[in-house]
Protein backbone atom coordinates (compact mmCIF):
# COMPACT_ATOMS: atom_id res chain seq x y z
CA MET A 1 -0.03 0.00 -0.02
CA VAL A 2 1.38 3.45 -0.93
CA THR A 3 2.09 5.69 2.06
CA THR A 4 -0.06 8.84 2.08
CA VAL A 5 1.38 10.44 5.27
CA ASP A 6 3.02 13.84 4.86
CA VAL A 7 6.58 12.78 5.75
CA PRO A 8 8.05 16.28 6.30
CA ALA A 9 5.13 17.11 8.62
CA ALA A 10 5.63 13.82 10.45
CA GLN A 11 9.33 14.66 10.82
CA ARG A 12 8.53 18.07 12.30
CA ARG A 13 6.11 16.53 14.78
CA THR A 14 8.62 13.83 15.68
CA VAL A 15 11.39 16.33 16.38
CA ALA A 16 9.05 18.59 18.41
CA THR A 17 7.95 15.62 20.46
CA LEU A 18 11.49 14.48 21.08
CA VAL A 19 12.50 17.99 22.12
CA GLY A 20 9.83 18.01 24.82
CA ALA A 21 10.60 14.53 26.07
CA GLN A 22 14.34 15.19 26.10
CA ALA A 23 13.90 18.26 28.24
CA PHE A 24 12.10 16.34 30.98
CA GLY A 25 14.15 13.19 30.56
CA ALA A 26 17.38 15.17 30.86
CA LEU A 27 16.19 16.93 33.96
CA GLY A 28 15.32 13.51 35.44
CA ILE A 29 18.72 11.98 34.79
CA THR A 30 21.03 14.93 35.38
CA ILE A 31 19.61 16.32 38.59
CA GLY A 32 21.30 13.51 40.47
CA ILE A 33 24.71 13.86 38.83
CA ALA A 34 26.11 16.26 41.41
CA THR A 35 24.98 14.17 44.38
CA ALA A 36 25.08 10.56 43.17
CA SER A 37 28.74 10.05 44.01
CA LEU A 38 28.26 11.80 47.36
CA LEU A 39 25.28 9.55 48.22
CA ALA A 40 27.33 6.45 47.27
CA ARG A 41 30.22 7.67 49.42
CA ASP A 42 27.88 8.25 52.38
CA LEU A 43 26.20 4.87 52.05
CA SER A 44 29.42 2.88 51.43
CA GLY A 45 31.71 4.91 53.71
CA SER A 46 34.42 4.85 51.04
CA ASP A 47 35.70 7.40 48.54
CA GLU A 48 36.88 4.59 46.34
CA LEU A 49 33.29 3.35 45.94
CA ALA A 50 31.89 6.82 45.11
CA GLY A 51 32.01 6.13 41.38
CA THR A 52 30.13 2.83 41.56
CA THR A 53 26.73 4.41 41.06
CA GLN A 54 27.81 5.86 37.77
CA THR A 55 29.34 2.54 36.77
CA ALA A 56 26.11 0.77 37.63
CA GLN A 57 24.14 3.35 35.67
CA VAL A 58 26.20 3.02 32.51
CA LEU A 59 26.07 -0.79 32.78
CA GLY A 60 22.31 -0.46 33.07
CA ALA A 61 22.30 1.79 30.02
CA ALA A 62 24.36 -0.83 28.15
CA GLY A 63 21.83 -3.55 28.93
CA ALA A 64 18.91 -1.25 28.21
CA SER A 65 20.38 -0.25 24.85
CA TRP A 66 20.33 -3.87 23.71
CA MET A 67 16.83 -4.48 25.15
CA LEU A 68 15.31 -1.27 23.81
CA ALA A 69 16.88 -1.81 20.36
CA ARG A 70 15.21 -5.19 20.10
CA LEU A 71 11.92 -3.77 21.28
CA MET A 72 12.04 -0.84 18.83
CA ALA A 73 12.94 -3.22 15.97
CA VAL A 74 9.58 -4.92 16.52
CA ARG A 75 7.29 -2.24 18.06
CA GLY A 76 8.88 1.03 16.91
CA ARG A 77 10.47 4.01 18.66
CA ARG A 78 7.45 4.94 20.75
CA ALA A 79 7.25 1.65 22.71
CA GLY A 80 11.02 1.59 23.29
CA LEU A 81 11.32 5.15 24.52
CA VAL A 82 8.33 4.92 26.87
CA THR A 83 9.69 1.70 28.33
CA GLY A 84 13.10 3.32 28.94
CA TYR A 85 11.69 6.32 30.74
CA LEU A 86 9.39 4.27 32.96
CA LEU A 87 12.24 1.95 34.03
CA GLY A 88 14.36 5.01 34.77
CA ALA A 89 11.58 6.49 36.99
CA SER A 90 11.45 3.27 38.98
CA GLY A 91 15.25 3.46 39.41
CA ALA A 92 15.08 7.04 40.69
CA THR A 93 12.47 5.94 43.22
CA LEU A 94 14.77 3.16 44.43
CA ALA A 95 17.61 5.68 44.82
CA VAL A 96 15.43 7.71 47.19
CA LEU A 97 14.56 4.61 49.17
CA ALA A 98 18.24 3.64 49.29
CA GLY A 99 18.96 6.92 51.06
CA VAL A 100 16.12 6.39 53.48
CA TRP A 101 17.08 2.74 54.19
CA HIS A 102 20.84 3.51 54.12
CA SER A 103 21.28 0.68 51.65
CA MET A 104 24.12 0.65 49.11
CA PRO A 105 22.77 -2.44 47.26
CA VAL A 106 19.37 -0.79 46.71
CA LEU A 107 21.15 2.30 45.38
CA LEU A 108 23.10 0.21 42.89
CA VAL A 109 19.92 -1.53 41.69
CA GLY A 110 18.29 1.85 41.29
CA ALA A 111 21.33 3.12 39.36
CA VAL A 112 21.12 0.19 36.95
CA LEU A 113 17.43 1.00 36.26
CA LEU A 114 18.34 4.74 35.89
CA GLY A 115 20.52 3.66 33.00
CA SER A 116 17.33 2.91 31.03
CA THR A 117 16.53 6.63 30.89
CA SER A 118 20.04 7.33 29.62
CA SER A 119 19.49 4.69 26.93
CA ALA A 120 16.13 6.26 25.97
CA ASN A 121 17.76 9.68 25.73
CA TYR A 122 20.48 8.22 23.48
CA ALA A 123 17.89 6.48 21.25
CA SER A 124 15.95 9.72 20.92
CA ARG A 125 18.77 11.31 18.88
CA TYR A 126 18.54 8.46 16.36
CA ALA A 127 14.75 8.71 16.23
CA ALA A 128 15.17 12.25 14.97
CA THR A 129 16.97 10.94 11.89
CA ASP A 130 14.48 8.27 10.87
CA LEU A 131 12.50 10.59 8.53
CA ALA A 132 15.18 13.28 7.99
CA PRO A 133 16.57 13.93 4.50
CA PRO A 134 20.19 12.74 3.99
CA ASP A 135 21.56 16.33 4.02
CA GLY A 136 19.72 17.20 7.25
CA ARG A 137 20.43 14.24 9.50
CA GLY A 138 23.16 16.01 11.45
CA ARG A 139 20.94 18.99 12.22
CA ALA A 140 17.89 16.86 13.11
CA LEU A 141 20.00 14.77 15.48
CA ALA A 142 21.67 17.85 16.95
CA VAL A 143 18.37 19.65 17.67
CA VAL A 144 17.27 16.74 19.92
CA VAL A 145 20.70 16.72 21.58
CA TRP A 146 20.37 20.50 22.11
CA ALA A 147 16.92 20.07 23.69
CA THR A 148 18.60 18.24 26.50
CA THR A 149 20.05 21.61 27.55
CA ILE A 150 16.70 22.72 28.94
CA GLY A 151 16.47 20.02 31.56
CA ALA A 152 20.15 19.21 31.88
CA VAL A 153 21.21 22.71 32.87
CA LEU A 154 18.17 23.18 35.07
CA GLY A 155 18.59 19.81 36.78
CA PRO A 156 21.94 20.26 38.59
CA ASN A 157 20.89 23.75 39.67
CA LEU A 158 17.87 22.24 41.43
CA THR A 159 20.30 20.42 43.76
CA GLY A 160 19.96 23.06 46.43
CA PRO A 161 16.11 23.23 46.35
CA ALA A 162 16.01 19.43 46.22
CA ALA A 163 18.08 19.27 49.40
CA ASP A 164 15.59 21.65 51.05
CA LEU A 165 12.72 19.39 49.89
CA ALA A 166 14.58 16.41 51.30
CA ARG A 167 14.77 18.01 54.67
CA ARG A 168 10.96 18.63 54.64
CA LEU A 169 10.41 15.00 53.63
CA ASP A 170 12.89 13.81 56.26
CA ILE A 171 15.10 11.97 53.74
CA PRO A 172 18.86 12.38 53.18
CA LYS A 173 19.60 15.62 51.23
CA THR A 174 21.69 13.68 48.69
CA ALA A 175 18.59 11.53 47.88
CA GLY A 176 16.27 14.52 47.33
CA PRO A 177 17.25 15.15 43.70
CA PHE A 178 16.20 11.65 42.68
CA ALA A 179 12.61 12.32 43.85
CA ILE A 180 12.41 15.26 41.42
CA GLY A 181 14.14 13.16 38.76
CA ALA A 182 11.47 10.47 38.94
CA VAL A 183 8.78 13.02 38.14
CA GLY A 184 10.73 14.30 35.17
CA MET A 185 11.08 10.83 33.66
CA LEU A 186 7.40 10.08 34.09
CA ILE A 187 6.53 13.31 32.22
CA ALA A 188 8.94 12.36 29.45
CA ALA A 189 7.25 8.98 29.07
CA LEU A 190 3.82 10.66 28.87
CA VAL A 191 4.98 13.09 26.16
CA ILE A 192 6.28 10.27 23.97
CA TRP A 193 3.19 8.10 24.54
CA VAL A 194 0.73 10.84 23.65
CA ARG A 195 2.63 12.75 20.90
CA MET A 196 4.74 10.26 18.95
CA ARG A 197 2.09 9.39 16.32
CA PRO A 198 2.96 8.23 13.69
CA ASP A 199 5.98 6.27 14.86
CA PRO A 200 8.91 7.61 12.81
CA LEU A 201 10.73 4.26 12.45
CA LEU A 202 7.64 2.38 11.34
CA LEU A 203 6.78 5.16 8.93
CA ALA A 204 10.31 5.18 7.53
CA ARG A 205 10.00 1.45 6.85
CA ARG A 206 6.69 2.01 5.03
CA VAL A 207 8.23 4.77 2.89
CA HIS A 208 11.15 2.52 1.99
CA ALA A 209 8.80 -0.35 1.13
CA ASP A 210 6.88 1.97 -1.22
CA ALA A 211 10.18 3.03 -2.86
CA VAL A 212 11.14 -0.61 -3.37
CA SER A 213 7.74 -1.31 -4.95
CA ALA A 214 8.16 1.69 -7.26
CA GLY A 215 11.64 0.53 -8.25
CA THR A 216 13.42 3.60 -6.85
CA ALA A 217 15.20 1.82 -3.99
CA ALA A 218 16.81 -1.56 -3.48
CA ALA A 219 15.21 -4.08 -1.12
CA GLU A 220 17.07 -4.89 2.07
CA SER A 221 16.99 -8.13 4.07
CA PRO A 222 17.71 -8.29 7.81
CA ARG A 223 21.29 -9.22 8.63
CA PRO A 224 23.25 -9.85 11.83
CA VAL A 225 25.00 -6.78 13.24
CA ARG A 226 28.37 -8.57 13.02
CA GLU A 227 27.95 -8.97 9.26
CA VAL A 228 26.98 -5.33 8.83
CA LEU A 229 30.01 -4.13 10.81
CA ARG A 230 32.30 -6.43 8.83
CA GLU A 231 31.03 -4.98 5.56
CA ARG A 232 31.02 -1.37 6.76
CA PRO A 233 34.18 -0.71 8.86
CA VAL A 234 33.31 2.98 9.03
CA LEU A 235 30.59 1.97 11.49
CA VAL A 236 33.26 0.39 13.72
CA ALA A 237 35.31 3.59 13.56
CA ALA A 238 32.23 5.70 14.43
CA MET A 239 31.40 3.42 17.39
CA THR A 240 34.97 3.66 18.61
CA GLY A 241 34.92 7.47 18.51
CA LEU A 242 31.54 7.52 20.25
CA ALA A 243 32.60 5.10 22.96
CA ALA A 244 35.96 6.78 23.60
CA ALA A 245 34.40 10.24 24.04
CA HIS A 246 31.76 8.87 26.44
CA ALA A 247 34.40 7.08 28.51
CA VAL A 248 36.41 10.28 28.81
CA MET A 249 33.40 12.35 29.81
CA ILE A 250 32.00 9.87 32.36
CA SER A 251 35.30 9.05 34.09
CA VAL A 252 36.14 12.71 34.76
CA MET A 253 32.64 14.08 35.37
CA VAL A 254 31.67 11.47 37.97
CA MET A 255 34.68 12.26 40.19
CA THR A 256 34.60 16.05 39.83
CA PRO A 257 32.05 16.61 42.66
CA LEU A 258 34.22 14.60 45.04
CA HIS A 259 37.41 16.42 43.87
CA MET A 260 35.73 19.78 44.52
CA GLU A 261 34.18 18.76 47.85
CA HIS A 262 37.63 17.68 49.14
CA GLY A 263 38.71 21.27 48.73
CA GLY A 264 35.65 22.68 50.53
CA SER A 265 33.37 23.58 47.62
CA SER A 266 29.70 23.86 48.51
CA LEU A 267 27.00 21.75 46.94
CA LYS A 268 25.67 24.80 45.06
CA ILE A 269 29.08 25.58 43.56
CA ILE A 270 29.49 21.95 42.55
CA GLY A 271 26.06 22.05 40.93
CA PHE A 272 27.02 25.21 39.04
CA VAL A 273 30.17 23.57 37.66
CA ILE A 274 28.17 20.55 36.52
CA SER A 275 25.70 22.92 34.87
CA LEU A 276 28.55 24.55 32.93
CA HIS A 277 29.65 21.05 31.89
CA VAL A 278 26.15 20.16 30.77
CA LEU A 279 25.87 23.48 28.94
CA GLY A 280 28.95 22.47 26.90
CA MET A 281 27.44 19.03 26.30
CA PHE A 282 24.21 20.23 24.74
CA ALA A 283 23.84 23.95 24.15
CA PHE A 284 26.02 24.13 21.03
CA ALA A 285 24.67 20.93 19.42
CA PRO A 286 22.81 22.79 16.59
CA VAL A 287 25.98 24.53 15.51
CA ILE A 288 27.84 21.21 15.63
CA GLY A 289 25.10 19.52 13.60
CA PHE A 290 25.32 22.29 11.00
CA ALA A 291 29.09 21.81 10.84
CA VAL A 292 28.57 18.05 10.38
CA ASP A 293 26.22 18.60 7.44
CA ARG A 294 28.39 21.32 5.86
CA THR A 295 31.80 19.64 6.29
CA SER A 296 31.87 16.02 7.35
CA ALA A 297 31.11 13.94 10.43
CA ALA A 298 34.69 12.59 10.54
CA THR A 299 36.14 16.10 10.57
CA VAL A 300 33.98 17.19 13.52
CA LEU A 301 34.71 13.92 15.32
CA ALA A 302 38.43 14.60 15.03
CA ALA A 303 38.00 18.19 16.28
CA GLY A 304 36.01 16.83 19.23
CA GLY A 305 38.95 14.60 20.17
CA VAL A 306 41.28 17.63 20.25
CA VAL A 307 38.85 19.54 22.47
CA LEU A 308 38.63 16.58 24.89
CA LEU A 309 42.44 16.55 25.18
CA LEU A 310 42.39 20.26 26.06
CA ALA A 311 39.65 19.63 28.65
CA LEU A 312 41.75 16.92 30.30
CA LEU A 313 44.76 19.27 30.42
CA PHE A 314 42.75 21.94 32.26
CA SER A 315 41.02 19.46 34.57
CA GLY A 316 44.22 17.67 35.40
CA MET A 317 45.83 20.94 36.44
CA SER A 318 42.98 21.92 38.77
CA PRO A 319 43.55 21.90 42.55
CA GLU A 320 40.95 20.49 44.96
CA GLY A 321 37.98 22.83 45.55
CA THR A 322 36.91 25.68 43.30
CA SER A 323 39.23 26.90 40.56
CA HIS A 324 39.12 28.51 37.11
CA SER A 325 40.74 25.43 35.58
CA ILE A 326 38.00 23.09 36.80
CA PHE A 327 35.37 25.47 35.43
CA GLY A 328 37.05 25.63 32.01
CA GLY A 329 37.98 21.97 31.99
CA LEU A 330 34.46 20.73 32.66
CA PHE A 331 32.95 23.07 30.09
CA LEU A 332 35.43 21.90 27.42
CA LEU A 333 34.81 18.29 28.50
CA GLY A 334 31.13 18.74 27.67
CA LEU A 335 31.82 20.56 24.39
CA GLY A 336 34.26 17.89 23.18
CA TRP A 337 31.82 15.15 24.09
CA SER A 338 29.04 16.96 22.15
CA MET A 339 31.20 17.30 19.06
CA ALA A 340 32.15 13.64 19.15
CA THR A 341 28.66 12.36 19.98
CA VAL A 342 26.78 14.33 17.34
CA SER A 343 29.31 13.54 14.60
CA ALA A 344 29.78 9.85 15.47
CA SER A 345 26.03 9.32 15.86
CA THR A 346 25.38 10.95 12.49
CA LEU A 347 27.92 8.58 10.91
CA VAL A 348 26.09 5.62 12.45
CA ALA A 349 22.67 6.90 11.21
CA GLU A 350 24.06 7.52 7.70
CA GLN A 351 25.94 4.25 7.26
CA ALA A 352 23.65 1.70 8.93
CA PRO A 353 21.19 -0.12 6.62
CA LEU A 354 17.51 0.42 7.39
CA ALA A 355 16.88 -3.32 7.85
CA ALA A 356 19.38 -3.41 10.73
CA LEU A 357 19.06 0.22 11.85
CA THR A 358 17.93 -0.13 15.47
CA GLN A 359 20.24 -3.10 16.08
CA VAL A 360 23.31 -1.20 14.83
CA GLN A 361 22.32 1.90 16.79
CA GLY A 362 21.69 -0.18 19.90
CA THR A 363 25.09 -1.83 19.48
CA ALA A 364 26.71 1.58 19.25
CA ASP A 365 25.09 2.67 22.47
CA LEU A 366 25.94 -0.66 24.08
CA VAL A 367 29.62 -0.26 23.24
CA MET A 368 29.47 3.37 24.35
CA SER A 369 28.00 2.44 27.71
CA LEU A 370 30.45 -0.41 28.31
CA ALA A 371 33.40 1.88 27.63
CA ALA A 372 31.98 4.42 30.05
CA ALA A 373 31.52 1.68 32.64
CA VAL A 374 35.23 0.90 32.38
CA GLY A 375 36.09 4.57 32.76
CA GLY A 376 33.63 5.19 35.55
CA GLY A 377 34.59 2.03 37.43
CA ALA A 378 38.29 2.85 37.27
CA SER A 379 37.87 6.53 38.11
CA GLY A 380 37.10 6.05 41.82
CA VAL A 381 40.05 3.70 42.33
CA ILE A 382 42.44 5.97 40.39
CA VAL A 383 41.43 9.12 42.27
CA GLY A 384 41.48 7.32 45.62
CA GLU A 385 44.99 5.90 45.05
CA TYR A 386 46.73 8.41 42.77
CA GLY A 387 44.65 11.59 42.56
CA PHE A 388 42.48 13.53 40.13
CA SER A 389 45.38 14.56 37.80
CA THR A 390 46.27 10.88 37.23
CA LEU A 391 42.64 10.28 36.27
CA ALA A 392 42.93 13.01 33.63
CA GLY A 393 46.00 11.30 32.24
CA PHE A 394 44.22 7.94 32.14
CA ALA A 395 41.27 9.49 30.32
CA SER A 396 43.58 10.99 27.72
CA LEU A 397 44.29 7.46 26.42
CA PHE A 398 40.56 7.20 25.47
CA ALA A 399 40.65 10.65 23.86
CA LEU A 400 43.63 9.66 21.72
CA MET A 401 41.83 6.45 20.68
CA GLY A 402 38.82 8.48 19.57
CA LEU A 403 41.01 10.86 17.61
CA ALA A 404 42.62 7.91 15.79
CA ALA A 405 39.18 6.50 15.00
CA ALA A 406 38.10 9.83 13.53
CA VAL A 407 41.09 9.93 11.20
CA TYR A 408 40.41 6.35 10.07
CA ALA A 409 36.71 7.05 9.53
CA GLY A 410 37.60 10.08 7.36
CA ARG A 411 39.85 7.95 5.19
CA LEU A 412 37.13 5.34 4.75
CA VAL A 413 34.47 7.89 3.77
CA ARG A 414 36.80 9.58 1.26
CA ARG A 415 37.76 6.22 -0.22
CA ALA A 416 34.10 5.25 -0.61
CA ALA A 417 33.30 8.61 -2.24
CA LEU A 418 36.10 8.17 -4.81
CA ALA A 419 34.96 4.60 -5.57
CA SER A 420 31.34 5.61 -6.18
């Protein structure tokens, strides 16, 4: 049957819906960033275990990426995104209860479930490209990434009011932000459930099927992800760049609140620094998306690697407490991550075949989350034993890996262009 839906109008509605959901989802997941490591430290009694919540969260995101990709392959984007946000809300609720019960195991279970919201946020950027024209994928993806700014900058700055709310509710102040986060995730799920009609992925498949019937496109058959990656090494390079940038960002960000608190920084100052970091992560995404569409994704990915190295230089030089170098380092850390994430994700969206689209994208996010788990898991031990500057040096290895992947991806894309 020939598709009669106005695809450009459906794309505009999809992007608008994703913008709204991302704002609330980002608030839900980022409001606890500044206090998660502090809550883990309080419950475990160990600085070395402060990073375990972030590790559990990224491992949860890894598992959720695989699960949600399979769900979306069958039921579409709407079902997958709603499921991710609802699981995340349940995780935030468990984090609050962990503070009340003084239970580290409950906190870790909650953190694993919180990873589902991270996975849903990641999948949203790909959903924006399902119906986008080839020369507009970078901008469509970047607009959704940018929308995260609304909630992500607001979230950490609600740390102070959330602590006041926690006192009124007679729960630990470091658990208060998770209560507000749960509400944000529930609203994000509601926005997707009500507004994401038609489903962009299912509509894209119908449009492709019509093109095949009309003889203007080649038919595709489902293939294992391993086979797709073997045939398209540029996808491997893109995933490597994506994973490396995420590992750098997570490993440094998760230990920054502890590094600052050791020097006497207040919770409000820590929240402000995290807000600057999040501003760098999301606010400039539209400009980055425009650069991707006008130049190339590989070029922007390489530039992101350079910015990440500068961020690590500034962060590694920062003393404990409040300093100009930690302000600048965390902002550049977010900006470099944004450049790498938008460009690498656009490469994945461009190069993955429609028949294996969600599986390839889910694999990319799975690899990204596993790399971040390694970085986040090692960060607490490294800072506890050797200090924050050593952590920055460790993270630079990932940044260099991402830079090498960007150079390789650029060569592959140019080679393919010359061969066509």
